[in-house]
Protein backbone atom coordinates (compact mmCIF):
# COMPACT_ATOMS: atom_id res chain seq x y z
CA UNK A 1 0.03 0.00 0.01
CA UNK A 2 1.38 3.39 -0.89
CA UNK A 3 0.22 6.98 -0.91
CA UNK A 4 0.18 8.83 -4.21
CA UNK A 5 1.62 12.39 -4.32
CA UNK A 6 1.08 14.73 -7.26
CA UNK A 7 2.64 18.05 -7.98
CA UNK A 8 5.36 20.10 -9.66
CA UNK A 9 8.96 18.89 -9.23
CA UNK A 10 10.94 21.66 -7.55
CA UNK A 11 14.09 19.98 -6.29
CA UNK A 12 15.71 16.51 -6.06
CA UNK A 13 18.98 14.71 -5.34
CA UNK A 14 20.02 11.13 -4.71
CA UNK A 15 18.19 11.05 -1.36
CA UNK A 16 15.06 13.18 -1.63
CA UNK A 17 12.53 14.50 -4.09
CA UNK A 18 10.56 17.67 -3.38
CA UNK A 19 7.20 18.15 -5.09
CA UNK A 20 4.87 21.12 -4.65
CA UNK A 21 1.15 20.24 -4.47
CA UNK A 22 -0.84 23.25 -5.61
CA UNK A 23 -4.13 21.90 -4.32
CA UNK A 24 -2.82 21.78 -0.76
CA UNK A 25 -0.30 24.61 -1.20
CA UNK A 26 2.21 22.28 0.35
CA UNK A 27 5.79 21.14 -0.42
CA UNK A 28 6.14 17.38 -0.09
CA UNK A 29 9.62 15.97 0.61
CA UNK A 30 9.74 12.21 -0.12
CA UNK A 31 12.55 9.73 -0.25
CA UNK A 32 14.07 9.19 -3.74
CA UNK A 33 13.32 5.57 -4.47
CA UNK A 34 13.39 6.04 -8.25
CA UNK A 35 16.93 4.90 -8.93
CA UNK A 36 18.54 6.41 -12.03
CA UNK A 37 15.28 7.53 -13.59
CA UNK A 38 15.65 10.93 -15.26
CA UNK A 39 13.54 13.63 -13.67
CA UNK A 40 12.92 17.17 -15.02
CA UNK A 41 12.44 20.19 -12.82
CA UNK A 42 9.19 22.10 -13.27
CA UNK A 43 7.28 19.15 -14.66
CA UNK A 44 4.10 17.78 -13.13
CA UNK A 45 4.51 14.25 -11.67
CA UNK A 46 2.53 11.51 -9.99
CA UNK A 47 4.63 9.60 -7.49
CA UNK A 48 4.35 6.52 -5.27
CA UNK A 49 7.03 4.40 -3.65
CA UNK A 50 9.46 3.19 -6.38
CA UNK A 51 7.13 4.68 -9.03
CA UNK A 52 7.08 8.05 -10.68
CA UNK A 53 5.69 9.34 -14.03
CA UNK A 54 4.99 12.62 -15.69
CA UNK A 55 1.28 13.48 -15.64
CA UNK A 56 -1.10 15.94 -17.13
CA UNK A 57 -1.57 19.20 -15.23
CA UNK A 58 -5.05 19.68 -13.71
CA UNK A 59 -7.16 21.81 -16.01
CA UNK A 60 -7.83 24.38 -13.28
CA UNK A 61 -4.11 25.21 -13.17
CA UNK A 62 -3.76 25.85 -16.89
CA UNK A 63 -4.57 29.57 -16.85
CA UNK A 64 -3.63 30.36 -13.21
CA UNK A 65 -0.24 28.81 -12.57
CA UNK A 66 2.57 27.70 -14.89
CA UNK A 67 5.97 26.29 -13.78
CA UNK A 68 9.11 26.60 -15.77
CA UNK A 69 12.91 26.45 -15.39
CA UNK A 70 15.18 29.41 -16.17
CA UNK A 71 18.92 29.38 -15.51
CA UNK A 72 18.65 26.46 -13.13
CA UNK A 73 15.93 28.13 -11.05
CA UNK A 74 12.37 26.84 -10.80
CA UNK A 75 9.99 29.69 -11.54
CA UNK A 76 6.20 29.92 -11.59
CA UNK A 77 3.80 32.49 -13.03
CA UNK A 78 0.54 32.89 -11.12
CA UNK A 79 -1.97 35.30 -9.66
CA UNK A 80 -1.69 36.80 -6.19
CA UNK A 81 -3.37 39.33 -3.95
CA UNK A 82 -3.12 41.01 -0.62
CA UNK A 83 -5.60 42.25 1.95
CA UNK A 84 -7.01 45.75 1.81
CA UNK A 85 -7.68 47.95 4.83
CA UNK A 86 -11.38 47.05 4.90
CA UNK A 87 -10.60 43.32 5.04
CA UNK A 88 -8.35 43.92 8.04
CA UNK A 89 -10.79 46.14 9.85
CA UNK A 90 -13.50 43.52 9.67
CA UNK A 91 -11.69 41.28 12.07
CA UNK A 92 -8.97 42.24 14.54
CA UNK A 93 -7.43 38.77 14.10
CA UNK A 94 -6.71 39.60 10.46
CA UNK A 95 -4.17 42.28 11.36
CA UNK A 96 -1.44 39.64 11.05
CA UNK A 97 -2.16 39.52 7.31
CA UNK A 98 -1.28 43.13 6.81
CA UNK A 99 1.16 43.43 3.85
CA UNK A 100 1.17 39.69 3.25
CA UNK A 101 0.96 38.48 -0.37
CA UNK A 102 -1.04 35.29 -1.04
CA UNK A 103 -1.57 33.05 -4.01
CA UNK A 104 -4.45 30.60 -4.01
CA UNK A 105 -2.25 27.85 -5.44
CA UNK A 106 1.17 28.65 -3.96
CA UNK A 107 0.23 29.99 -0.56
CA UNK A 108 1.94 32.96 1.09
CA UNK A 109 4.77 34.51 -0.94
CA UNK A 110 7.82 36.29 0.37
CA UNK A 111 8.23 39.77 -1.11
CA UNK A 112 11.50 41.17 0.26
CA UNK A 113 11.59 43.99 -2.36
CA UNK A 114 7.98 44.92 -1.67
CA UNK A 115 7.26 44.66 -5.41
CA UNK A 116 3.59 43.69 -5.08
CA UNK A 117 2.62 46.63 -2.86
CA UNK A 118 4.42 49.02 -5.22
CA UNK A 119 2.35 47.91 -8.17
CA UNK A 120 -0.97 46.71 -6.73
CA UNK A 121 -3.53 47.85 -4.23
CA UNK A 122 -5.05 45.69 -1.52
CA UNK A 123 -7.82 43.47 -2.80
CA UNK A 124 -6.56 43.51 -6.39
CA UNK A 125 -5.40 40.43 -8.28
CA UNK A 126 -2.05 40.77 -9.98
CA UNK A 127 0.14 38.53 -12.14
CA UNK A 128 3.47 37.61 -10.49
CA UNK A 129 6.55 35.61 -11.25
CA UNK A 130 7.91 33.69 -8.25
CA UNK A 131 11.04 31.69 -7.62
CA UNK A 132 11.28 28.42 -5.70
CA UNK A 133 13.21 29.36 -2.59
CA UNK A 134 11.85 27.62 0.49
CA UNK A 135 12.42 29.45 3.76
CA UNK A 136 10.61 28.91 7.10
CA UNK A 137 6.90 28.74 6.36
CA UNK A 138 7.00 29.94 2.75
CA UNK A 139 8.14 28.14 -0.42
CA UNK A 140 8.25 30.89 -3.08
CA UNK A 141 9.67 34.43 -3.36
CA UNK A 142 8.38 37.12 -5.69
CA UNK A 143 10.77 37.92 -8.53
CA UNK A 144 8.60 40.22 -10.66
CA UNK A 145 5.07 41.81 -10.77
CA UNK A 146 3.31 42.71 -14.00
CA UNK A 147 2.86 46.49 -14.00
CA UNK A 148 -0.47 48.15 -14.66
CA UNK A 149 -2.13 44.76 -15.18
CA UNK A 150 -5.24 43.78 -13.21
CA UNK A 151 -6.33 40.14 -13.44
CA UNK A 152 -10.11 39.42 -13.73
CA UNK A 153 -11.09 35.89 -12.87
CA UNK A 154 -14.61 34.42 -12.66
CA UNK A 155 -15.71 34.25 -9.04
CA UNK A 156 -16.24 30.50 -9.36
CA UNK A 157 -12.49 30.05 -9.92
CA UNK A 158 -11.46 32.13 -6.95
CA UNK A 159 -10.70 30.52 -3.58
CA UNK A 160 -11.36 32.39 -0.28
CA UNK A 161 -8.30 34.25 1.08
CA UNK A 162 -6.98 33.56 4.59
CA UNK A 163 -8.49 36.87 5.69
CA UNK A 164 -11.91 35.96 4.31
CA UNK A 165 -14.69 34.88 6.73
CA UNK A 166 -15.33 31.90 4.40
CA UNK A 167 -11.74 30.63 4.55
CA UNK A 168 -12.15 28.39 7.62
CA UNK A 169 -15.36 26.94 6.17
CA UNK A 170 -13.80 25.86 2.89
CA UNK A 171 -10.36 24.94 4.21
CA UNK A 172 -10.35 21.64 6.15
CA UNK A 173 -8.18 21.86 9.27
CA UNK A 174 -5.05 19.76 8.88
CA UNK A 175 -4.47 17.46 11.84
CA UNK A 176 -0.76 17.45 12.56
CA UNK A 177 0.63 14.19 13.90
CA UNK A 178 3.90 12.31 13.71
CA UNK A 179 3.87 9.86 10.80
CA UNK A 180 4.58 6.89 13.03
CA UNK A 181 1.28 7.58 14.88
CA UNK A 182 -0.66 6.77 11.73
CA UNK A 183 -0.03 3.04 11.81
CA UNK A 184 -1.46 2.92 15.34
CA UNK A 185 -4.39 5.32 14.91
CA UNK A 186 -5.50 5.28 11.26
CA UNK A 187 -8.25 2.76 10.71
CA UNK A 188 -7.98 2.70 6.91
CA UNK A 189 -4.41 3.37 5.84
CA UNK A 190 -0.99 1.92 6.57
CA UNK A 191 1.93 4.17 6.05
CA UNK A 192 5.04 3.02 4.23
CA UNK A 193 7.69 3.45 6.90
CA UNK A 194 11.42 3.12 7.34
CA UNK A 195 12.77 -0.25 8.42
CA UNK A 196 15.99 -0.48 10.40
CA UNK A 197 17.77 -3.79 9.94
CA UNK A 198 21.06 -4.03 11.78
CA UNK A 199 22.06 -0.52 10.85
CA UNK A 200 20.76 -0.57 7.28
CA UNK A 201 17.81 1.63 6.31
CA UNK A 202 15.09 0.69 3.87
CA UNK A 203 12.05 2.38 2.41
CA UNK A 204 9.24 0.00 1.79
CA UNK A 205 5.48 -0.46 1.41
CA UNK A 206 3.33 -2.53 3.74
CA UNK A 207 0.62 -5.07 2.97
CA UNK A 208 -2.47 -4.70 5.17
CA UNK A 209 -3.44 -8.21 6.15
CA UNK A 210 -6.62 -7.09 7.87
CA UNK A 211 -8.58 -7.18 4.59
CA UNK A 212 -7.60 -10.83 4.01
CA UNK A 213 -9.53 -12.05 7.05
CA UNK A 214 -13.07 -13.30 7.18
CA UNK A 215 -15.57 -10.57 7.91
CA UNK A 216 -13.40 -8.45 5.67
CA UNK A 217 -14.92 -5.07 6.37
CA UNK A 218 -14.82 -5.39 10.16
CA UNK A 219 -11.18 -6.49 10.00
CA UNK A 220 -10.34 -3.73 7.56
CA UNK A 221 -11.32 -0.98 10.02
CA UNK A 222 -9.78 -2.59 13.07
CA UNK A 223 -7.47 -0.35 15.11
CA UNK A 224 -4.63 -2.91 15.30
CA UNK A 225 -2.65 -4.86 12.71
CA UNK A 226 -2.32 -8.58 13.43
CA UNK A 227 0.43 -8.79 10.87
CA UNK A 228 2.14 -6.45 8.40
CA UNK A 229 4.38 -7.60 5.52
CA UNK A 230 7.07 -5.24 4.20
CA UNK A 231 7.33 -5.34 0.40
CA UNK A 232 9.28 -3.50 -2.29
CA UNK A 233 12.29 -3.06 -0.10
CA UNK A 234 14.59 -0.24 -1.30
CA UNK A 235 17.84 0.43 0.52
CA UNK A 236 18.50 4.12 1.21
CA UNK A 237 21.25 6.23 2.69
CA UNK A 238 20.80 6.58 6.45
CA UNK A 239 18.95 9.81 7.21
CA UNK A 240 20.53 9.67 10.71
CA UNK A 241 24.08 8.72 11.64
CA UNK A 242 23.71 5.00 12.33
CA UNK A 243 26.09 2.47 13.92
CA UNK A 244 25.85 -1.01 15.39
CA UNK A 245 27.34 -1.23 18.91
CA UNK A 246 27.61 -4.70 20.50
CA UNK A 247 24.74 -5.92 18.31
CA UNK A 248 22.49 -2.92 19.07
CA UNK A 249 21.63 -0.29 16.46
CA UNK A 250 22.46 3.24 17.75
CA UNK A 251 21.43 6.54 16.15
CA UNK A 252 22.94 9.95 16.65
CA UNK A 253 20.06 12.37 17.11
CA UNK A 254 19.96 16.08 17.76
CA UNK A 255 17.05 17.80 19.46
CA UNK A 256 16.38 21.24 20.99
CA UNK A 257 16.94 21.62 24.72
CA UNK A 258 13.65 22.44 26.51
CA UNK A 259 14.16 22.81 30.24
CA UNK A 260 10.45 22.68 30.98
CA UNK A 261 10.19 19.19 29.42
CA UNK A 262 12.81 17.86 31.79
CA UNK A 263 11.77 19.48 35.10
CA UNK A 264 9.53 22.14 36.54
CA UNK A 265 10.74 25.67 37.38
CA UNK A 266 10.25 24.93 41.06
CA UNK A 267 12.45 21.78 40.86
CA UNK A 268 15.32 23.88 39.42
CA UNK A 269 15.61 25.81 42.67
CA UNK A 270 16.69 22.72 44.60
CA UNK A 271 20.44 22.90 45.11
CA UNK A 272 21.10 19.30 46.18
CA UNK A 273 21.06 17.04 43.14
CA UNK A 274 20.10 13.93 45.18
CA UNK A 275 16.81 15.66 46.00
CA UNK A 276 16.52 17.44 42.67
CA UNK A 277 16.93 14.20 40.78
CA UNK A 278 13.74 12.78 42.35
CA UNK A 279 11.75 15.72 40.94
CA UNK A 280 12.82 15.27 37.31
CA UNK A 281 9.94 14.63 34.88
CA UNK A 282 9.17 10.95 34.42
CA UNK A 283 7.51 11.45 31.02
CA UNK A 284 10.20 13.62 29.33
CA UNK A 285 10.56 12.98 25.63
CA UNK A 286 11.01 14.56 22.18
CA UNK A 287 9.79 13.72 18.72
CA UNK A 288 12.09 12.76 15.83
CA UNK A 289 11.06 12.59 12.19
CA UNK A 290 12.30 9.07 11.75
CA UNK A 291 12.21 7.48 15.22
CA UNK A 292 8.96 8.98 16.50
CA UNK A 293 8.65 9.48 20.21
CA UNK A 294 11.98 9.19 22.02
CA UNK A 295 11.99 8.82 25.80
CA UNK A 296 14.40 10.76 28.04
CA UNK A 297 14.72 9.05 31.39
CA UNK A 298 15.82 11.03 34.49
CA UNK A 299 19.43 9.93 34.44
CA UNK A 300 19.94 11.26 30.94
CA UNK A 301 17.81 14.33 31.71
CA UNK A 302 20.17 15.12 34.60
CA UNK A 303 23.19 14.78 32.28
CA UNK A 304 21.61 17.23 29.83
CA UNK A 305 20.72 19.79 32.50
CA UNK A 306 24.20 19.58 34.08
CA UNK A 307 25.93 20.16 30.78
CA UNK A 308 23.76 23.22 30.07
CA UNK A 309 24.17 24.66 33.55
CA UNK A 310 27.98 24.19 33.30
CA UNK A 311 28.07 26.45 30.24
CA UNK A 312 30.39 29.48 30.86
CA UNK A 313 28.25 32.48 31.72
CA UNK A 314 30.32 34.82 29.59
CA UNK A 315 29.42 32.81 26.46
CA UNK A 316 25.93 31.71 27.47
CA UNK A 317 23.75 30.91 24.43
CA UNK A 318 20.18 31.88 23.74
CA UNK A 319 19.33 28.22 23.06
CA UNK A 320 20.90 24.81 23.09
CA UNK A 321 20.84 21.66 20.94
CA UNK A 322 21.44 18.25 22.55
CA UNK A 323 23.46 15.65 20.67
CA UNK A 324 22.53 12.21 21.91
CA UNK A 325 22.80 8.51 21.24
CA UNK A 326 19.39 6.83 20.80
CA UNK A 327 18.68 3.07 20.82
CA UNK A 328 15.68 0.73 20.77
CA UNK A 329 14.07 0.54 24.20
CA UNK A 330 15.33 -2.40 26.23
CA UNK A 331 11.75 -3.31 27.09
CA UNK A 332 10.32 -2.84 23.59
CA UNK A 333 8.70 -6.31 23.57
CA UNK A 334 6.36 -5.26 26.37
CA UNK A 335 5.72 -1.62 25.56
CA UNK A 336 5.37 -1.53 21.72
CA UNK A 337 1.63 -1.95 21.87
CA UNK A 338 1.32 1.17 24.00
CA UNK A 339 2.80 3.42 21.34
CA UNK A 340 2.53 6.39 21.04
CA UNK A 341 1.80 6.68 24.79
CA UNK A 342 5.27 5.21 25.37
CA UNK A 343 8.11 5.65 22.88
CA UNK A 344 9.99 2.59 21.64
CA UNK A 345 13.30 4.50 21.45
CA UNK A 346 15.20 6.13 24.30
CA UNK A 347 18.20 8.35 24.88
CA UNK A 348 21.07 6.11 26.06
CA UNK A 349 23.93 8.64 26.12
CA UNK A 350 24.27 12.38 26.05
CA UNK A 351 27.26 13.20 23.89
CA UNK A 352 27.29 17.00 24.12
CA UNK A 353 25.26 20.12 24.02
CA UNK A 354 25.79 22.92 21.43
CA UNK A 355 25.01 26.54 21.93
CA UNK A 356 22.83 28.39 19.39
CA UNK A 357 23.31 32.12 19.19
């Protein structure tokens, strides 16, 4: 079983492929399991695990967005708008949209040169050229705006803007969860996941055996999988530094230091570590893109805190990153069915902390 992703190819290398989905205004990053197959930037593709092909662009995009490549950069021509003063006055929560440029198929656009506001008024539709340049929560940056050119589009083709009262009605809220939660929670789909076999990483699909049982429908919507078979194994480069130590697979993982996750503010005031240790959080953890929920037990939490508190005051950083060794939980056989309440990986060693200025 595999999910299909469609969109315009914006970037790729031997490890990853990045495709922009105009329907969801979202950049998808997927593992490159397509071998030596030749790909072309700016083209519209349908992709699944170990399968990719060029496809026809949806008709609704034909006149409103067009991707191309120029000098090695991925560009797109599309329509955009920004809120006018009346839009912002209608709702005090819309003030955050002041000066923001939005495209109904590309999302919010960065405009460092303020080109759109120089050529267009709020509420007007203009024709823009944007460059693929992902940064923080935006994917595209405005390169040019057509001067003295207003775009008129039939109302039926327009989507509500984020500052429109109808936006929340038409836009389905997107539930954010870690991908590893889907296998446990999702009643209909199984997610192709990464398999770790003695230090080697594989991308694969899974066969859902629930549908092969008697009473097919009831089994198909069951919460748990009795058995899952990995198929179409494709070896990939490790996305995390991975080693095998005494027969155990160990990953080097970095995560942001969050003092509140490890202990309460009141507990920090205790000077004696023998007493302070007893007050460390028993459910401390962080989430990793590949390993899911990773537990931090008190002994390692203490090591992290002590390394941060030992940082020289004259060079104290605004934030810290923890570099740790993570392994499969020693009691995984008994706790795996409780995931994601309990993580199946845990921090086994704190290598260092790094300051972030």
